[in-house]
Amino acid sequence: MKKIDIVYDYELLKDKISEKGLTQETLAPKLNMSRTSLNLKLNSKSNFTQTEIKVMAELLNIPSKELGNYFFKGFVQKSVQNIKEVI
């Protein structure tokens, strides 16, 4: 069975981080991680833990009912297919 990798779109989360006047460099220690680890997570190369999501939601004042918009929005990759017209 083929493994399906889910890629999340964290643009809204990145915007919220900036809106709160934070950077990856200043936010990472508050999450007990390195800036590199946070960057990997924000670029969907690694997953956030439940604890990290909870702490970030508290730091960024994200209501629990809005967590899905920030942490679980799937990234849809657009692709172009060559379509040959059959005459």
PDB file of N, CA and C in Angstrom:
ATOM      1  N   MET A   1       0.827  -1.171   0.000  1.00  0.00           N
ATOM      2  CA  MET A   1       0.000   0.000   0.000  1.00  0.00           C
ATOM      3  C   MET A   1       0.883   1.251   0.000  1.00  0.00           C
ATOM      4  N   LYS A   2       0.552   2.201  -0.842  1.00  0.00           N
ATOM      5  CA  LYS A   2       1.352   3.409  -0.980  1.00  0.00           C
ATOM      6  C   LYS A   2       1.071   4.386   0.155  1.00  0.00           C
ATOM      7  N   LYS A   3       2.147   4.934   0.747  1.00  0.00           N
ATOM      8  CA  LYS A   3       2.030   5.913   1.819  1.00  0.00           C
ATOM      9  C   LYS A   3       1.648   7.266   1.217  1.00  0.00           C
ATOM     10  N   ILE A   4       0.684   7.915   1.831  1.00  0.00           N
ATOM     11  CA  ILE A   4       0.264   9.231   1.359  1.00  0.00           C
ATOM     12  C   ILE A   4       0.799  10.277   2.324  1.00  0.00           C
ATOM     13  N   ASP A   5       1.619  11.186   1.814  1.00  0.00           N
ATOM     14  CA  ASP A   5       2.138  12.273   2.627  1.00  0.00           C
ATOM     15  C   ASP A   5       1.195  13.459   2.509  1.00  0.00           C
ATOM     16  N   ILE A   6       0.725  13.935   3.649  1.00  0.00           N
ATOM     17  CA  ILE A   6      -0.157  15.092   3.657  1.00  0.00           C
ATOM     18  C   ILE A   6       0.702  16.336   3.825  1.00  0.00           C
ATOM     19  N   VAL A   7       0.487  17.282   2.961  1.00  0.00           N
ATOM     20  CA  VAL A   7       1.206  18.554   3.023  1.00  0.00           C
ATOM     21  C   VAL A   7       0.213  19.612   3.479  1.00  0.00           C
ATOM     22  N   TYR A   8       0.583  20.331   4.532  1.00  0.00           N
ATOM     23  CA  TYR A   8      -0.292  21.361   5.065  1.00  0.00           C
ATOM     24  C   TYR A   8       0.148  22.748   4.619  1.00  0.00           C
ATOM     25  N   ASP A   9      -0.831  23.618   4.467  1.00  0.00           N
ATOM     26  CA  ASP A   9      -0.596  25.009   4.086  1.00  0.00           C
ATOM     27  C   ASP A   9      -0.621  25.844   5.360  1.00  0.00           C
ATOM     28  N   TYR A  10       0.534  26.330   5.770  1.00  0.00           N
ATOM     29  CA  TYR A  10       0.648  27.098   7.005  1.00  0.00           C
ATOM     30  C   TYR A  10       0.762  28.599   6.763  1.00  0.00           C
ATOM     31  N   GLU A  11       0.350  29.081   5.597  1.00  0.00           N
ATOM     32  CA  GLU A  11       0.465  30.510   5.298  1.00  0.00           C
ATOM     33  C   GLU A  11      -0.311  31.364   6.297  1.00  0.00           C
ATOM     34  N   LEU A  12      -1.503  30.948   6.662  1.00  0.00           N
ATOM     35  CA  LEU A  12      -2.304  31.696   7.627  1.00  0.00           C
ATOM     36  C   LEU A  12      -1.600  31.732   8.990  1.00  0.00           C
ATOM     37  N   LEU A  13      -0.991  30.626   9.373  1.00  0.00           N
ATOM     38  CA  LEU A  13      -0.243  30.562  10.626  1.00  0.00           C
ATOM     39  C   LEU A  13       0.978  31.477  10.572  1.00  0.00           C
ATOM     40  N   LYS A  14       1.688  31.447   9.457  1.00  0.00           N
ATOM     41  CA  LYS A  14       2.853  32.325   9.296  1.00  0.00           C
ATOM     42  C   LYS A  14       2.439  33.792   9.387  1.00  0.00           C
ATOM     43  N   ASP A  15       1.299  34.134   8.787  1.00  0.00           N
ATOM     44  CA  ASP A  15       0.789  35.508   8.855  1.00  0.00           C
ATOM     45  C   ASP A  15       0.468  35.893  10.297  1.00  0.00           C
ATOM     46  N   LYS A  16      -0.116  34.973  11.048  1.00  0.00           N
ATOM     47  CA  LYS A  16      -0.473  35.223  12.443  1.00  0.00           C
ATOM     48  C   LYS A  16       0.774  35.443  13.290  1.00  0.00           C
ATOM     49  N   ILE A  17       1.816  34.670  13.012  1.00  0.00           N
ATOM     50  CA  ILE A  17       3.090  34.829  13.728  1.00  0.00           C
ATOM     51  C   ILE A  17       3.631  36.233  13.498  1.00  0.00           C
ATOM     52  N   SER A  18       3.629  36.672  12.256  1.00  0.00           N
ATOM     53  CA  SER A  18       4.101  38.026  11.916  1.00  0.00           C
ATOM     54  C   SER A  18       3.217  39.099  12.540  1.00  0.00           C
ATOM     55  N   GLU A  19       1.908  38.871  12.485  1.00  0.00           N
ATOM     56  CA  GLU A  19       0.934  39.822  13.048  1.00  0.00           C
ATOM     57  C   GLU A  19       1.188  40.056  14.535  1.00  0.00           C
ATOM     58  N   LYS A  20       1.634  39.028  15.234  1.00  0.00           N
ATOM     59  CA  LYS A  20       1.917  39.126  16.663  1.00  0.00           C
ATOM     60  C   LYS A  20       3.320  39.672  16.940  1.00  0.00           C
ATOM     61  N   GLY A  21       4.033  40.054  15.875  1.00  0.00           N
ATOM     62  CA  GLY A  21       5.366  40.633  16.030  1.00  0.00           C
ATOM     63  C   GLY A  21       6.443  39.622  16.354  1.00  0.00           C
ATOM     64  N   LEU A  22       6.180  38.369  16.025  1.00  0.00           N
ATOM     65  CA  LEU A  22       7.145  37.303  16.286  1.00  0.00           C
ATOM     66  C   LEU A  22       7.844  36.880  15.006  1.00  0.00           C
ATOM     67  N   THR A  23       8.977  36.243  15.170  1.00  0.00           N
ATOM     68  CA  THR A  23       9.699  35.630  14.054  1.00  0.00           C
ATOM     69  C   THR A  23       9.912  34.161  14.429  1.00  0.00           C
ATOM     70  N   GLN A  24      10.374  33.384  13.481  1.00  0.00           N
ATOM     71  CA  GLN A  24      10.686  31.984  13.789  1.00  0.00           C
ATOM     72  C   GLN A  24      11.765  31.932  14.870  1.00  0.00           C
ATOM     73  N   GLU A  25      12.691  32.863  14.805  1.00  0.00           N
ATOM     74  CA  GLU A  25      13.797  32.924  15.768  1.00  0.00           C
ATOM     75  C   GLU A  25      13.300  33.200  17.190  1.00  0.00           C
ATOM     76  N   THR A  26      12.302  34.068  17.327  1.00  0.00           N
ATOM     77  CA  THR A  26      11.803  34.400  18.666  1.00  0.00           C
ATOM     78  C   THR A  26      10.731  33.421  19.147  1.00  0.00           C
ATOM     79  N   LEU A  27       9.998  32.812  18.228  1.00  0.00           N
ATOM     80  CA  LEU A  27       8.941  31.880  18.608  1.00  0.00           C
ATOM     81  C   LEU A  27       9.479  30.499  18.991  1.00  0.00           C
ATOM     82  N   ALA A  28      10.489  30.035  18.295  1.00  0.00           N
ATOM     83  CA  ALA A  28      11.009  28.674  18.503  1.00  0.00           C
ATOM     84  C   ALA A  28      11.351  28.368  19.970  1.00  0.00           C
ATOM     85  N   PRO A  29      12.089  29.236  20.670  1.00  0.00           N
ATOM     86  CA  PRO A  29      12.414  28.915  22.074  1.00  0.00           C
ATOM     87  C   PRO A  29      11.172  28.797  22.962  1.00  0.00           C
ATOM     88  N   LYS A  30      10.120  29.544  22.655  1.00  0.00           N
ATOM     89  CA  LYS A  30       8.880  29.467  23.431  1.00  0.00           C
ATOM     90  C   LYS A  30       8.216  28.095  23.254  1.00  0.00           C
ATOM     91  N   LEU A  31       8.589  27.397  22.177  1.00  0.00           N
ATOM     92  CA  LEU A  31       8.055  26.068  21.889  1.00  0.00           C
ATOM     93  C   LEU A  31       9.055  24.970  22.243  1.00  0.00           C
ATOM     94  N   ASN A  32      10.169  25.372  22.869  1.00  0.00           N
ATOM     95  CA  ASN A  32      11.247  24.436  23.233  1.00  0.00           C
ATOM     96  C   ASN A  32      11.788  23.687  22.023  1.00  0.00           C
ATOM     97  N   MET A  33      12.010  24.437  20.938  1.00  0.00           N
ATOM     98  CA  MET A  33      12.601  23.838  19.737  1.00  0.00           C
ATOM     99  C   MET A  33      13.537  24.848  19.085  1.00  0.00           C
ATOM    100  N   SER A  34      14.326  24.356  18.165  1.00  0.00           N
ATOM    101  CA  SER A  34      15.226  25.238  17.432  1.00  0.00           C
ATOM    102  C   SER A  34      14.467  25.949  16.308  1.00  0.00           C
ATOM    103  N   ARG A  35      15.051  27.017  15.813  1.00  0.00           N
ATOM    104  CA  ARG A  35      14.456  27.725  14.688  1.00  0.00           C
ATOM    105  C   ARG A  35      14.362  26.806  13.482  1.00  0.00           C
ATOM    106  N   THR A  36      15.358  25.952  13.303  1.00  0.00           N
ATOM    107  CA  THR A  36      15.365  25.012  12.180  1.00  0.00           C
ATOM    108  C   THR A  36      14.192  24.042  12.277  1.00  0.00           C
ATOM    109  N   SER A  37      13.928  23.525  13.473  1.00  0.00           N
ATOM    110  CA  SER A  37      12.800  22.603  13.660  1.00  0.00           C
ATOM    111  C   SER A  37      11.479  23.302  13.358  1.00  0.00           C
ATOM    112  N   LEU A  38      11.330  24.532  13.834  1.00  0.00           N
ATOM    113  CA  LEU A  38      10.105  25.285  13.573  1.00  0.00           C
ATOM    114  C   LEU A  38       9.954  25.537  12.077  1.00  0.00           C
ATOM    115  N   ASN A  39      11.043  25.882  11.419  1.00  0.00           N
ATOM    116  CA  ASN A  39      11.001  26.124   9.984  1.00  0.00           C
ATOM    117  C   ASN A  39      10.570  24.872   9.224  1.00  0.00           C
ATOM    118  N   LEU A  40      11.091  23.722   9.613  1.00  0.00           N
ATOM    119  CA  LEU A  40      10.703  22.465   8.964  1.00  0.00           C
ATOM    120  C   LEU A  40       9.209  22.204   9.130  1.00  0.00           C
ATOM    121  N   LYS A  41       8.692  22.490  10.297  1.00  0.00           N
ATOM    122  CA  LYS A  41       7.267  22.277  10.562  1.00  0.00           C
ATOM    123  C   LYS A  41       6.412  23.263   9.768  1.00  0.00           C
ATOM    124  N   LEU A  42       6.824  24.533   9.723  1.00  0.00           N
ATOM    125  CA  LEU A  42       6.059  25.545   8.990  1.00  0.00           C
ATOM    126  C   LEU A  42       6.101  25.327   7.476  1.00  0.00           C
ATOM    127  N   ASN A  43       7.066  24.541   7.028  1.00  0.00           N
ATOM    128  CA  ASN A  43       7.162  24.214   5.606  1.00  0.00           C
ATOM    129  C   ASN A  43       6.694  22.790   5.326  1.00  0.00           C
ATOM    130  N   SER A  44       5.970  22.228   6.281  1.00  0.00           N
ATOM    131  CA  SER A  44       5.336  20.915   6.168  1.00  0.00           C
ATOM    132  C   SER A  44       6.323  19.783   5.855  1.00  0.00           C
ATOM    133  N   LYS A  45       7.531  19.923   6.380  1.00  0.00           N
ATOM    134  CA  LYS A  45       8.541  18.866   6.226  1.00  0.00           C
ATOM    135  C   LYS A  45       8.579  17.982   7.470  1.00  0.00           C
ATOM    136  N   SER A  46       7.904  18.430   8.516  1.00  0.00           N
ATOM    137  CA  SER A  46       7.800  17.723   9.784  1.00  0.00           C
ATOM    138  C   SER A  46       6.447  18.102  10.378  1.00  0.00           C
ATOM    139  N   ASN A  47       5.953  17.318  11.319  1.00  0.00           N
ATOM    140  CA  ASN A  47       4.623  17.573  11.882  1.00  0.00           C
ATOM    141  C   ASN A  47       4.696  18.233  13.246  1.00  0.00           C
ATOM    142  N   PHE A  48       3.713  19.075  13.530  1.00  0.00           N
ATOM    143  CA  PHE A  48       3.566  19.651  14.858  1.00  0.00           C
ATOM    144  C   PHE A  48       2.976  18.596  15.782  1.00  0.00           C
ATOM    145  N   THR A  49       3.405  18.600  17.035  1.00  0.00           N
ATOM    146  CA  THR A  49       2.799  17.729  18.033  1.00  0.00           C
ATOM    147  C   THR A  49       1.551  18.422  18.587  1.00  0.00           C
ATOM    148  N   GLN A  50       0.727  17.674  19.284  1.00  0.00           N
ATOM    149  CA  GLN A  50      -0.462  18.261  19.902  1.00  0.00           C
ATOM    150  C   GLN A  50      -0.076  19.341  20.905  1.00  0.00           C
ATOM    151  N   THR A  51       0.970  19.085  21.661  1.00  0.00           N
ATOM    152  CA  THR A  51       1.429  20.058  22.652  1.00  0.00           C
ATOM    153  C   THR A  51       1.902  21.342  21.974  1.00  0.00           C
ATOM    154  N   GLU A  52       2.646  21.209  20.886  1.00  0.00           N
ATOM    155  CA  GLU A  52       3.122  22.393  20.164  1.00  0.00           C
ATOM    156  C   GLU A  52       1.955  23.209  19.614  1.00  0.00           C
ATOM    157  N   ILE A  53       0.945  22.520  19.100  1.00  0.00           N
ATOM    158  CA  ILE A  53      -0.237  23.212  18.579  1.00  0.00           C
ATOM    159  C   ILE A  53      -0.943  23.959  19.715  1.00  0.00           C
ATOM    160  N   LYS A  54      -1.072  23.320  20.859  1.00  0.00           N
ATOM    161  CA  LYS A  54      -1.731  23.937  22.014  1.00  0.00           C
ATOM    162  C   LYS A  54      -0.974  25.185  22.470  1.00  0.00           C
ATOM    163  N   VAL A  55       0.338  25.081  22.594  1.00  0.00           N
ATOM    164  CA  VAL A  55       1.156  26.207  23.046  1.00  0.00           C
ATOM    165  C   VAL A  55       1.103  27.344  22.024  1.00  0.00           C
ATOM    166  N   MET A  56       1.225  27.009  20.748  1.00  0.00           N
ATOM    167  CA  MET A  56       1.175  28.051  19.720  1.00  0.00           C
ATOM    168  C   MET A  56      -0.181  28.745  19.707  1.00  0.00           C
ATOM    169  N   ALA A  57      -1.246  27.988  19.864  1.00  0.00           N
ATOM    170  CA  ALA A  57      -2.587  28.573  19.884  1.00  0.00           C
ATOM    171  C   ALA A  57      -2.710  29.561  21.043  1.00  0.00           C
ATOM    172  N   GLU A  58      -2.154  29.205  22.184  1.00  0.00           N
ATOM    173  CA  GLU A  58      -2.197  30.099  23.343  1.00  0.00           C
ATOM    174  C   GLU A  58      -1.350  31.355  23.101  1.00  0.00           C
ATOM    175  N   LEU A  59      -0.141  31.179  22.593  1.00  0.00           N
ATOM    176  CA  LEU A  59       0.748  32.316  22.343  1.00  0.00           C
ATOM    177  C   LEU A  59       0.192  33.279  21.288  1.00  0.00           C
ATOM    178  N   LEU A  60      -0.467  32.706  20.280  1.00  0.00           N
ATOM    179  CA  LEU A  60      -0.952  33.509  19.161  1.00  0.00           C
ATOM    180  C   LEU A  60      -2.433  33.883  19.302  1.00  0.00           C
ATOM    181  N   ASN A  61      -3.036  33.508  20.431  1.00  0.00           N
ATOM    182  CA  ASN A  61      -4.459  33.797  20.685  1.00  0.00           C
ATOM    183  C   ASN A  61      -5.367  33.265  19.572  1.00  0.00           C
ATOM    184  N   ILE A  62      -5.144  32.007  19.203  1.00  0.00           N
ATOM    185  CA  ILE A  62      -5.984  31.355  18.198  1.00  0.00           C
ATOM    186  C   ILE A  62      -7.056  30.556  18.934  1.00  0.00           C
ATOM    187  N   PRO A  63      -8.330  30.907  18.730  1.00  0.00           N
ATOM    188  CA  PRO A  63      -9.409  30.156  19.399  1.00  0.00           C
ATOM    189  C   PRO A  63      -9.432  28.698  18.932  1.00  0.00           C
ATOM    190  N   SER A  64      -9.813  27.794  19.825  1.00  0.00           N
ATOM    191  CA  SER A  64      -9.810  26.365  19.498  1.00  0.00           C
ATOM    192  C   SER A  64     -10.676  26.048  18.286  1.00  0.00           C
ATOM    193  N   LYS A  65     -11.775  26.770  18.104  1.00  0.00           N
ATOM    194  CA  LYS A  65     -12.651  26.500  16.963  1.00  0.00           C
ATOM    195  C   LYS A  65     -12.016  26.908  15.627  1.00  0.00           C
ATOM    196  N   GLU A  66     -10.914  27.659  15.674  1.00  0.00           N
ATOM    197  CA  GLU A  66     -10.228  28.084  14.451  1.00  0.00           C
ATOM    198  C   GLU A  66      -8.928  27.321  14.187  1.00  0.00           C
ATOM    199  N   LEU A  67      -8.591  26.362  15.043  1.00  0.00           N
ATOM    200  CA  LEU A  67      -7.331  25.627  14.887  1.00  0.00           C
ATOM    201  C   LEU A  67      -7.204  24.969  13.520  1.00  0.00           C
ATOM    202  N   GLY A  68      -8.296  24.439  13.011  1.00  0.00           N
ATOM    203  CA  GLY A  68      -8.265  23.779  11.705  1.00  0.00           C
ATOM    204  C   GLY A  68      -7.812  24.697  10.594  1.00  0.00           C
ATOM    205  N   ASN A  69      -8.187  25.958  10.672  1.00  0.00           N
ATOM    206  CA  ASN A  69      -7.782  26.930   9.643  1.00  0.00           C
ATOM    207  C   ASN A  69      -6.277  27.187   9.657  1.00  0.00           C
ATOM    208  N   TYR A  70      -5.684  27.077  10.826  1.00  0.00           N
ATOM    209  CA  TYR A  70      -4.258  27.381  10.982  1.00  0.00           C
ATOM    210  C   TYR A  70      -3.352  26.157  10.877  1.00  0.00           C
ATOM    211  N   PHE A  71      -3.828  25.009  11.348  1.00  0.00           N
ATOM    212  CA  PHE A  71      -2.956  23.837  11.450  1.00  0.00           C
ATOM    213  C   PHE A  71      -3.324  22.655  10.561  1.00  0.00           C
ATOM    214  N   PHE A  72      -4.521  22.616  10.041  1.00  0.00           N
ATOM    215  CA  PHE A  72      -4.945  21.418   9.311  1.00  0.00           C
ATOM    216  C   PHE A  72      -5.507  21.719   7.935  1.00  0.00           C
ATOM    217  N   LYS A  73      -5.072  22.805   7.345  1.00  0.00           N
ATOM    218  CA  LYS A  73      -5.511  23.167   5.999  1.00  0.00           C
ATOM    219  C   LYS A  73      -4.583  22.474   5.002  1.00  0.00           C
ATOM    220  N   GLY A  74      -5.128  21.545   4.243  1.00  0.00           N
ATOM    221  CA  GLY A  74      -4.320  20.807   3.273  1.00  0.00           C
ATOM    222  C   GLY A  74      -3.882  21.689   2.124  1.00  0.00           C
ATOM    223  N   PHE A  75      -2.706  21.420   1.627  1.00  0.00           N
ATOM    224  CA  PHE A  75      -2.167  22.152   0.485  1.00  0.00           C
ATOM    225  C   PHE A  75      -2.580  21.429  -0.782  1.00  0.00           C
ATOM    226  N   VAL A  76      -3.168  22.152  -1.690  1.00  0.00           N
ATOM    227  CA  VAL A  76      -3.590  21.573  -2.966  1.00  0.00           C
ATOM    228  C   VAL A  76      -2.609  22.026  -4.030  1.00  0.00           C
ATOM    229  N   GLN A  77      -1.924  21.061  -4.595  1.00  0.00           N
ATOM    230  CA  GLN A  77      -0.946  21.383  -5.625  1.00  0.00           C
ATOM    231  C   GLN A  77      -1.641  21.422  -6.978  1.00  0.00           C
ATOM    232  N   LYS A  78      -1.450  22.531  -7.651  1.00  0.00           N
ATOM    233  CA  LYS A  78      -2.033  22.665  -8.984  1.00  0.00           C
ATOM    234  C   LYS A  78      -1.055  22.089  -9.992  1.00  0.00           C
ATOM    235  N   SER A  79      -1.576  21.324 -10.912  1.00  0.00           N
ATOM    236  CA  SER A  79      -0.705  20.768 -11.942  1.00  0.00           C
ATOM    237  C   SER A  79      -1.334  21.023 -13.303  1.00  0.00           C
ATOM    238  N   VAL A  80      -0.484  21.080 -14.266  1.00  0.00           N
ATOM    239  CA  VAL A  80      -0.939  21.311 -15.629  1.00  0.00           C
ATOM    240  C   VAL A  80      -0.736  20.027 -16.401  1.00  0.00           C
ATOM    241  N   GLN A  81      -1.776  19.602 -17.069  1.00  0.00           N
ATOM    242  CA  GLN A  81      -1.662  18.403 -17.869  1.00  0.00           C
ATOM    243  C   GLN A  81      -1.740  18.790 -19.332  1.00  0.00           C
ATOM    244  N   ASN A  82      -0.985  18.089 -20.127  1.00  0.00           N
ATOM    245  CA  ASN A  82      -1.068  18.315 -21.568  1.00  0.00           C
ATOM    246  C   ASN A  82      -2.295  17.579 -22.102  1.00  0.00           C
ATOM    247  N   ILE A  83      -3.133  18.322 -22.746  1.00  0.00           N
ATOM    248  CA  ILE A  83      -4.324  17.732 -23.314  1.00  0.00           C
ATOM    249  C   ILE A  83      -4.195  17.799 -24.833  1.00  0.00           C
ATOM    250  N   LYS A  84      -4.234  16.649 -25.433  1.00  0.00           N
ATOM    251  CA  LYS A  84      -4.132  16.592 -26.901  1.00  0.00           C
ATOM    252  C   LYS A  84      -5.533  16.515 -27.467  1.00  0.00           C
ATOM    253  N   GLU A  85      -5.780  17.364 -28.370  1.00  0.00           N
ATOM    254  CA  GLU A  85      -7.104  17.366 -28.997  1.00  0.00           C
ATOM    255  C   GLU A  85      -7.123  16.289 -30.072  1.00  0.00           C
ATOM    256  N   VAL A  86      -8.118  15.466 -29.986  1.00  0.00           N
ATOM    257  CA  VAL A  86      -8.258  14.396 -30.960  1.00  0.00           C
ATOM    258  C   VAL A  86      -9.243  14.870 -32.002  1.00  0.00           C
ATOM    259  N   ILE A  87      -8.794  14.854 -33.266  1.00  0.00           N
ATOM    260  CA  ILE A  87      -9.668  15.301 -34.364  1.00  0.00           C
ATOM    261  C   ILE A  87     -10.179  14.117 -35.126  1.00  0.00           C
TER     262      ILE A  87
END
